[in-house]
Amino acid sequence: MKSSTLVFFVAATVLSAGCANPERSRNLADPNVSATTLAQQVCSNCHGITGSAVSPNFPNLAGQIEPYFVAQLTGFKSHSRQDPAGFEYMWGLSRHLTDDQVKGLAAYYAAQPPTVQAIEGDHARLDAGKSIFEAGVADKGVPACVSCHGDKGQGQATFPRIAGQHADYLVKQLMVFQRTDERPDGSVMKTVAHELTRQNIDDVAGYLQALPSLSVDGLGGLEFGAG
C-alpha cells in the first residue's frame, strides 16, 4: 500500500470513529446536559465547535435556521429521515435528545456566524451555478433556488440555509432527493432534483459553497470577495 493511501485510510478511520462514537465525550442519555455542552462536546466531533464541519461528509450547521434544524433532528429521532447520513450517524445520536435539547441545539447553531467556504471552480461553472440558483432551469420547469431558500441562500421559513454549505454534501443530498424517498419531508425537492442533470447539480452546489465569498456584479460577472 502506498504511503499516501495509508495516510488517507488512517485519517478516514480516525474521523469516522470520532463521529460514530462521540458518547465517549458526554452521556447523551442525560436530559440535564445543556444544548451548548452537547454542541461543543459531542456535535463538534463532526460539525465543529461553531458548526463549520470538520469534513465535507458532514453538513455545516453554522447559521442554519431553527425551524429546519428542529425538523431534521426530529426526523432523525423518528427515523423518518432515512438517508445514509441519518441512519449511520444521527439515528443513534438523536434518540435520547429531549425536545428542549433539540430546540437549544437549533438556537445554538442559528446564532453562529455562517461558514465562509473557499472559492473553487472556474468562472464558467460558477456562472452556470449562479444562473440555476437565481433563475432555475426554465426549459425543464426547474424553479429558482431563491424562491424557497432566499436571495442569498440564507434560508427562510422551513427551507434551509444552503449558502456556504459543502458542495460535496449538497451533491449527495440532491442525489438522495433525485433517486430515493429517504427524505420524505423533501417531496418538493424530489420533484425539483429529478429534472437536474449531474452537471446542473455540480454547478449549483459549487456556486452555493462559494456564495458567501462572492459578490455578484451583473448577471454573468462574478467578483471574488475578501472572505
C-alpha atoms as a PDB file:
ATOM      1  CA  MET A   1       0.000   0.000   0.000  1.00  0.00           C
ATOM      2  CA  LYS A   2       1.418   3.375  -0.953  1.00  0.00           C
ATOM      3  CA  SER A   3       2.207   5.697   1.946  1.00  0.00           C
ATOM      4  CA  SER A   4      -0.249   8.363   0.758  1.00  0.00           C
ATOM      5  CA  THR A   5      -3.040   5.782   0.575  1.00  0.00           C
ATOM      6  CA  LEU A   6      -2.189   4.525   4.049  1.00  0.00           C
ATOM      7  CA  VAL A   7      -2.258   8.047   5.490  1.00  0.00           C
ATOM      8  CA  PHE A   8      -5.656   8.670   3.910  1.00  0.00           C
ATOM      9  CA  PHE A   9      -7.022   5.360   5.218  1.00  0.00           C
ATOM     10  CA  VAL A  10      -5.822   6.040   8.771  1.00  0.00           C
ATOM     11  CA  ALA A  11      -7.188   9.584   8.732  1.00  0.00           C
ATOM     12  CA  ALA A  12     -10.563   8.429   7.428  1.00  0.00           C
ATOM     13  CA  THR A  13     -10.713   5.664  10.040  1.00  0.00           C
ATOM     14  CA  VAL A  14      -9.944   8.069  12.882  1.00  0.00           C
ATOM     15  CA  LEU A  15     -12.503  10.582  11.625  1.00  0.00           C
ATOM     16  CA  SER A  16     -15.241   8.022  11.242  1.00  0.00           C
ATOM     17  CA  ALA A  17     -14.517   6.562  14.676  1.00  0.00           C
ATOM     18  CA  GLY A  18     -14.674  10.005  16.252  1.00  0.00           C
ATOM     19  CA  CYS A  19     -18.004  10.777  14.637  1.00  0.00           C
ATOM     20  CA  ALA A  20     -19.511   7.364  15.265  1.00  0.00           C
ATOM     21  CA  ASN A  21     -18.661   7.225  18.971  1.00  0.00           C
ATOM     22  CA  PRO A  22     -18.981  10.717  20.456  1.00  0.00           C
ATOM     23  CA  GLU A  23     -20.652   9.210  23.530  1.00  0.00           C
ATOM     24  CA  ARG A  24     -17.154   8.994  24.921  1.00  0.00           C
ATOM     25  CA  SER A  25     -17.306  12.768  25.449  1.00  0.00           C
ATOM     26  CA  ARG A  26     -20.704  13.094  27.108  1.00  0.00           C
ATOM     27  CA  ASN A  27     -23.598  10.886  28.180  1.00  0.00           C
ATOM     28  CA  LEU A  28     -26.234  11.567  25.544  1.00  0.00           C
ATOM     29  CA  ALA A  29     -28.960   9.994  27.650  1.00  0.00           C
ATOM     30  CA  ASP A  30     -28.714  12.697  30.330  1.00  0.00           C
ATOM     31  CA  PRO A  31     -31.593  15.168  29.848  1.00  0.00           C
ATOM     32  CA  ASN A  32     -29.873  17.642  32.166  1.00  0.00           C
ATOM     33  CA  VAL A  33     -26.935  18.235  29.834  1.00  0.00           C
ATOM     34  CA  SER A  34     -27.306  21.641  28.203  1.00  0.00           C
ATOM     35  CA  ALA A  35     -27.589  22.050  24.457  1.00  0.00           C
ATOM     36  CA  THR A  36     -24.437  24.184  24.437  1.00  0.00           C
ATOM     37  CA  THR A  37     -22.479  21.419  26.144  1.00  0.00           C
ATOM     38  CA  LEU A  38     -23.813  18.862  23.677  1.00  0.00           C
ATOM     39  CA  ALA A  39     -22.895  21.089  20.748  1.00  0.00           C
ATOM     40  CA  GLN A  40     -19.369  21.721  21.989  1.00  0.00           C
ATOM     41  CA  GLN A  41     -18.520  18.276  23.358  1.00  0.00           C
ATOM     42  CA  VAL A  42     -20.494  15.904  21.124  1.00  0.00           C
ATOM     43  CA  CYS A  43     -21.701  17.512  17.902  1.00  0.00           C
ATOM     44  CA  SER A  44     -18.332  19.228  17.454  1.00  0.00           C
ATOM     45  CA  ASN A  45     -16.723  15.858  16.688  1.00  0.00           C
ATOM     46  CA  CYS A  46     -18.268  16.061  13.218  1.00  0.00           C
ATOM     47  CA  HIS A  47     -19.685  19.559  12.860  1.00  0.00           C
ATOM     48  CA  GLY A  48     -17.012  21.665  14.567  1.00  0.00           C
ATOM     49  CA  ILE A  49     -17.345  23.842  17.670  1.00  0.00           C
ATOM     50  CA  THR A  50     -19.104  26.636  15.791  1.00  0.00           C
ATOM     51  CA  GLY A  51     -20.920  24.475  13.256  1.00  0.00           C
ATOM     52  CA  SER A  52     -18.306  24.538  10.496  1.00  0.00           C
ATOM     53  CA  ALA A  53     -17.966  20.837   9.737  1.00  0.00           C
ATOM     54  CA  VAL A  54     -14.647  19.019  10.048  1.00  0.00           C
ATOM     55  CA  SER A  55     -15.201  17.187   6.737  1.00  0.00           C
ATOM     56  CA  PRO A  56     -17.315  17.658   3.586  1.00  0.00           C
ATOM     57  CA  ASN A  57     -19.039  14.404   4.564  1.00  0.00           C
ATOM     58  CA  PHE A  58     -20.916  16.339   7.239  1.00  0.00           C
ATOM     59  CA  PRO A  59     -23.009  19.479   6.789  1.00  0.00           C
ATOM     60  CA  ASN A  60     -22.106  22.891   8.092  1.00  0.00           C
ATOM     61  CA  LEU A  61     -24.651  23.854  10.735  1.00  0.00           C
ATOM     62  CA  ALA A  62     -23.497  27.412  11.427  1.00  0.00           C
ATOM     63  CA  GLY A  63     -26.264  29.920  10.756  1.00  0.00           C
ATOM     64  CA  GLN A  64     -28.835  27.231   9.975  1.00  0.00           C
ATOM     65  CA  ILE A  65     -32.386  28.409  10.577  1.00  0.00           C
ATOM     66  CA  GLU A  66     -34.070  26.990  13.665  1.00  0.00           C
ATOM     67  CA  PRO A  67     -37.310  25.524  12.213  1.00  0.00           C
ATOM     68  CA  TYR A  68     -35.391  23.475   9.653  1.00  0.00           C
ATOM     69  CA  PHE A  69     -32.848  22.284  12.219  1.00  0.00           C
ATOM     70  CA  VAL A  70     -35.580  21.170  14.620  1.00  0.00           C
ATOM     71  CA  ALA A  71     -37.410  19.358  11.813  1.00  0.00           C
ATOM     72  CA  GLN A  72     -34.287  17.432  10.788  1.00  0.00           C
ATOM     73  CA  LEU A  73     -33.349  16.325  14.311  1.00  0.00           C
ATOM     74  CA  THR A  74     -36.948  15.283  14.858  1.00  0.00           C
ATOM     75  CA  GLY A  75     -36.783  13.298  11.619  1.00  0.00           C
ATOM     76  CA  PHE A  76     -33.624  11.547  12.787  1.00  0.00           C
ATOM     77  CA  LYS A  77     -35.223  10.704  16.137  1.00  0.00           C
ATOM     78  CA  SER A  78     -38.322   9.233  14.500  1.00  0.00           C
ATOM     79  CA  HIS A  79     -36.259   7.504  11.773  1.00  0.00           C
ATOM     80  CA  SER A  80     -38.380   9.184   9.102  1.00  0.00           C
ATOM     81  CA  ARG A  81     -35.216  10.647   7.593  1.00  0.00           C
ATOM     82  CA  GLN A  82     -33.518   7.565   6.201  1.00  0.00           C
ATOM     83  CA  ASP A  83     -30.617   8.753   4.048  1.00  0.00           C
ATOM     84  CA  PRO A  84     -27.211   7.198   4.851  1.00  0.00           C
ATOM     85  CA  ALA A  85     -26.101  10.161   6.953  1.00  0.00           C
ATOM     86  CA  GLY A  86     -29.235   9.658   9.005  1.00  0.00           C
ATOM     87  CA  PHE A  87     -29.056   6.015   9.935  1.00  0.00           C
ATOM     88  CA  GLU A  88     -25.258   5.792  10.084  1.00  0.00           C
ATOM     89  CA  TYR A  89     -24.766   8.685  12.481  1.00  0.00           C
ATOM     90  CA  MET A  90     -27.809  10.626  13.556  1.00  0.00           C
ATOM     91  CA  TRP A  91     -30.366   7.959  14.419  1.00  0.00           C
ATOM     92  CA  GLY A  92     -28.340   6.756  17.366  1.00  0.00           C
ATOM     93  CA  LEU A  93     -27.088  10.172  18.431  1.00  0.00           C
ATOM     94  CA  SER A  94     -30.510  11.811  18.431  1.00  0.00           C
ATOM     95  CA  ARG A  95     -32.604   9.114  20.057  1.00  0.00           C
ATOM     96  CA  HIS A  96     -32.157  10.358  23.636  1.00  0.00           C
ATOM     97  CA  LEU A  97     -32.402  14.087  22.952  1.00  0.00           C
ATOM     98  CA  THR A  98     -35.233  15.899  24.695  1.00  0.00           C
ATOM     99  CA  ASP A  99     -37.381  18.474  22.933  1.00  0.00           C
ATOM    100  CA  ASP A 100     -35.661  21.224  24.933  1.00  0.00           C
ATOM    101  CA  GLN A 101     -32.226  19.958  23.898  1.00  0.00           C
ATOM    102  CA  VAL A 102     -33.284  19.860  20.249  1.00  0.00           C
ATOM    103  CA  LYS A 103     -34.573  23.436  20.440  1.00  0.00           C
ATOM    104  CA  GLY A 104     -31.451  24.515  22.305  1.00  0.00           C
ATOM    105  CA  LEU A 105     -29.166  22.993  19.683  1.00  0.00           C
ATOM    106  CA  ALA A 106     -31.146  24.733  16.957  1.00  0.00           C
ATOM    107  CA  ALA A 107     -30.751  28.072  18.736  1.00  0.00           C
ATOM    108  CA  TYR A 108     -27.025  27.468  19.339  1.00  0.00           C
ATOM    109  CA  TYR A 109     -26.235  26.833  15.678  1.00  0.00           C
ATOM    110  CA  ALA A 110     -28.552  29.551  14.369  1.00  0.00           C
ATOM    111  CA  ALA A 111     -26.532  32.045  16.431  1.00  0.00           C
ATOM    112  CA  GLN A 112     -23.171  31.020  14.937  1.00  0.00           C
ATOM    113  CA  PRO A 113     -21.642  33.067  12.093  1.00  0.00           C
ATOM    114  CA  PRO A 114     -22.327  31.290   8.785  1.00  0.00           C
ATOM    115  CA  THR A 115     -19.450  29.333   7.292  1.00  0.00           C
ATOM    116  CA  VAL A 116     -17.397  31.040   4.591  1.00  0.00           C
ATOM    117  CA  GLN A 117     -16.039  28.435   2.202  1.00  0.00           C
ATOM    118  CA  ALA A 118     -13.101  28.557  -0.167  1.00  0.00           C
ATOM    119  CA  ILE A 119     -13.946  29.519  -3.738  1.00  0.00           C
ATOM    120  CA  GLU A 120     -13.402  26.571  -6.062  1.00  0.00           C
ATOM    121  CA  GLY A 121     -14.081  26.052  -9.762  1.00  0.00           C
ATOM    122  CA  ASP A 122     -13.762  28.299 -12.785  1.00  0.00           C
ATOM    123  CA  HIS A 123     -15.931  31.292 -13.607  1.00  0.00           C
ATOM    124  CA  ALA A 124     -17.926  29.451 -16.259  1.00  0.00           C
ATOM    125  CA  ARG A 125     -19.060  26.807 -13.788  1.00  0.00           C
ATOM    126  CA  LEU A 126     -19.776  29.392 -11.077  1.00  0.00           C
ATOM    127  CA  ASP A 127     -21.811  31.433 -13.564  1.00  0.00           C
ATOM    128  CA  ALA A 128     -23.769  28.314 -14.539  1.00  0.00           C
ATOM    129  CA  GLY A 129     -24.494  27.581 -10.884  1.00  0.00           C
ATOM    130  CA  LYS A 130     -25.500  31.183 -10.272  1.00  0.00           C
ATOM    131  CA  SER A 131     -27.979  31.000 -13.142  1.00  0.00           C
ATOM    132  CA  ILE A 132     -29.639  27.897 -11.691  1.00  0.00           C
ATOM    133  CA  PHE A 133     -29.732  29.448  -8.224  1.00  0.00           C
ATOM    134  CA  GLU A 134     -31.301  32.699  -9.399  1.00  0.00           C
ATOM    135  CA  ALA A 135     -33.395  31.622 -12.390  1.00  0.00           C
ATOM    136  CA  GLY A 136     -33.742  27.837 -12.293  1.00  0.00           C
ATOM    137  CA  VAL A 137     -33.706  25.760 -15.473  1.00  0.00           C
ATOM    138  CA  ALA A 138     -36.638  27.103 -17.439  1.00  0.00           C
ATOM    139  CA  ASP A 139     -36.744  24.502 -20.202  1.00  0.00           C
ATOM    140  CA  LYS A 140     -37.054  21.738 -17.598  1.00  0.00           C
ATOM    141  CA  GLY A 141     -39.500  23.534 -15.343  1.00  0.00           C
ATOM    142  CA  VAL A 142     -36.976  23.771 -12.503  1.00  0.00           C
ATOM    143  CA  PRO A 143     -37.721  26.804 -10.310  1.00  0.00           C
ATOM    144  CA  ALA A 144     -35.068  29.152  -8.986  1.00  0.00           C
ATOM    145  CA  CYS A 145     -33.492  28.132  -5.683  1.00  0.00           C
ATOM    146  CA  VAL A 146     -34.006  31.690  -4.406  1.00  0.00           C
ATOM    147  CA  SER A 147     -37.776  31.244  -4.453  1.00  0.00           C
ATOM    148  CA  CYS A 148     -37.589  28.970  -1.400  1.00  0.00           C
ATOM    149  CA  HIS A 149     -34.106  29.416   0.054  1.00  0.00           C
ATOM    150  CA  GLY A 150     -33.853  33.219  -0.101  1.00  0.00           C
ATOM    151  CA  ASP A 151     -31.967  35.574  -2.396  1.00  0.00           C
ATOM    152  CA  LYS A 152     -28.675  34.874  -0.637  1.00  0.00           C
ATOM    153  CA  GLY A 153     -29.338  31.223   0.125  1.00  0.00           C
ATOM    154  CA  GLN A 154     -29.837  32.172   3.764  1.00  0.00           C
ATOM    155  CA  GLY A 155     -32.921  30.015   4.260  1.00  0.00           C
ATOM    156  CA  GLN A 156     -36.439  31.072   5.163  1.00  0.00           C
ATOM    157  CA  ALA A 157     -39.495  29.563   6.827  1.00  0.00           C
ATOM    158  CA  THR A 158     -38.884  25.788   6.812  1.00  0.00           C
ATOM    159  CA  PHE A 159     -36.376  25.880   3.952  1.00  0.00           C
ATOM    160  CA  PRO A 160     -32.724  25.545   4.997  1.00  0.00           C
ATOM    161  CA  ARG A 161     -29.757  27.804   4.658  1.00  0.00           C
ATOM    162  CA  ILE A 162     -27.722  26.423   1.745  1.00  0.00           C
ATOM    163  CA  ALA A 163     -25.191  29.216   1.188  1.00  0.00           C
ATOM    164  CA  GLY A 164     -21.734  28.167   2.352  1.00  0.00           C
ATOM    165  CA  GLN A 165     -22.645  24.505   2.553  1.00  0.00           C
ATOM    166  CA  HIS A 166     -20.060  21.939   1.444  1.00  0.00           C
ATOM    167  CA  ALA A 167     -20.521  21.273  -2.270  1.00  0.00           C
ATOM    168  CA  ASP A 168     -19.910  17.551  -1.748  1.00  0.00           C
ATOM    169  CA  TYR A 169     -22.664  17.386   0.861  1.00  0.00           C
ATOM    170  CA  LEU A 170     -25.094  19.327  -1.330  1.00  0.00           C
ATOM    171  CA  VAL A 171     -24.412  16.986  -4.250  1.00  0.00           C
ATOM    172  CA  LYS A 172     -25.081  13.935  -2.081  1.00  0.00           C
ATOM    173  CA  GLN A 173     -28.343  15.343  -0.760  1.00  0.00           C
ATOM    174  CA  LEU A 174     -29.560  16.387  -4.202  1.00  0.00           C
ATOM    175  CA  MET A 175     -28.851  12.860  -5.391  1.00  0.00           C
ATOM    176  CA  VAL A 176     -30.836  11.499  -2.433  1.00  0.00           C
ATOM    177  CA  PHE A 177     -33.768  13.728  -3.378  1.00  0.00           C
ATOM    178  CA  GLN A 178     -33.439  12.724  -7.009  1.00  0.00           C
ATOM    179  CA  ARG A 179     -33.261   8.963  -6.638  1.00  0.00           C
ATOM    180  CA  THR A 180     -34.932   7.902  -3.406  1.00  0.00           C
ATOM    181  CA  ASP A 181     -37.638   8.521  -0.823  1.00  0.00           C
ATOM    182  CA  GLU A 182     -35.167   8.510   2.069  1.00  0.00           C
ATOM    183  CA  ARG A 183     -36.122  12.085   2.969  1.00  0.00           C
ATOM    184  CA  PRO A 184     -39.940  12.072   2.853  1.00  0.00           C
ATOM    185  CA  ASP A 185     -40.212  15.671   4.042  1.00  0.00           C
ATOM    186  CA  GLY A 186     -38.308  16.671   0.902  1.00  0.00           C
ATOM    187  CA  SER A 187     -41.054  15.838  -1.583  1.00  0.00           C
ATOM    188  CA  VAL A 188     -40.774  19.311  -3.110  1.00  0.00           C
ATOM    189  CA  MET A 189     -37.058  18.810  -3.660  1.00  0.00           C
ATOM    190  CA  LYS A 190     -37.580  15.393  -5.198  1.00  0.00           C
ATOM    191  CA  THR A 191     -39.644  16.974  -7.957  1.00  0.00           C
ATOM    192  CA  VAL A 192     -37.049  19.703  -8.488  1.00  0.00           C
ATOM    193  CA  ALA A 193     -33.971  17.481  -8.348  1.00  0.00           C
ATOM    194  CA  HIS A 194     -35.430  14.884 -10.702  1.00  0.00           C
ATOM    195  CA  GLU A 195     -35.031  17.283 -13.633  1.00  0.00           C
ATOM    196  CA  LEU A 196     -31.439  18.291 -12.874  1.00  0.00           C
ATOM    197  CA  THR A 197     -28.513  16.768 -14.733  1.00  0.00           C
ATOM    198  CA  ARG A 198     -25.382  15.802 -12.829  1.00  0.00           C
ATOM    199  CA  GLN A 199     -23.658  18.851 -14.336  1.00  0.00           C
ATOM    200  CA  ASN A 200     -26.509  21.072 -13.095  1.00  0.00           C
ATOM    201  CA  ILE A 201     -26.102  19.603  -9.621  1.00  0.00           C
ATOM    202  CA  ASP A 202     -22.328  20.068  -9.570  1.00  0.00           C
ATOM    203  CA  ASP A 203     -22.625  23.644 -10.826  1.00  0.00           C
ATOM    204  CA  VAL A 204     -25.234  24.847  -8.355  1.00  0.00           C
ATOM    205  CA  ALA A 205     -23.524  23.051  -5.452  1.00  0.00           C
ATOM    206  CA  GLY A 206     -20.201  24.683  -6.305  1.00  0.00           C
ATOM    207  CA  TYR A 207     -21.820  28.094  -6.523  1.00  0.00           C
ATOM    208  CA  LEU A 208     -23.612  27.682  -3.207  1.00  0.00           C
ATOM    209  CA  GLN A 209     -20.412  26.648  -1.456  1.00  0.00           C
ATOM    210  CA  ALA A 210     -18.727  29.810  -2.742  1.00  0.00           C
ATOM    211  CA  LEU A 211     -21.714  32.136  -2.359  1.00  0.00           C
ATOM    212  CA  PRO A 212     -20.774  33.762   0.976  1.00  0.00           C
ATOM    213  CA  SER A 213     -17.364  34.640  -0.511  1.00  0.00           C
ATOM    214  CA  LEU A 214     -18.701  36.071  -3.747  1.00  0.00           C
ATOM    215  CA  SER A 215     -20.125  39.450  -4.609  1.00  0.00           C
ATOM    216  CA  VAL A 216     -22.211  39.363  -7.750  1.00  0.00           C
ATOM    217  CA  ASP A 217     -21.782  42.070 -10.379  1.00  0.00           C
ATOM    218  CA  GLY A 218     -24.365  41.745 -13.144  1.00  0.00           C
ATOM    219  CA  LEU A 219     -25.937  38.576 -14.445  1.00  0.00           C
ATOM    220  CA  GLY A 220     -22.764  36.962 -15.705  1.00  0.00           C
ATOM    221  CA  GLY A 221     -19.855  38.539 -13.847  1.00  0.00           C
ATOM    222  CA  LEU A 222     -18.525  37.311 -10.541  1.00  0.00           C
ATOM    223  CA  GLU A 223     -16.100  39.213  -8.361  1.00  0.00           C
ATOM    224  CA  PHE A 224     -14.177  37.390  -5.694  1.00  0.00           C
ATOM    225  CA  GLY A 225     -14.886  38.787  -2.268  1.00  0.00           C
ATOM    226  CA  ALA A 226     -12.437  39.278   0.547  1.00  0.00           C
ATOM    227  CA  GLY A 227     -13.853  36.424   2.650  1.00  0.00           C
END
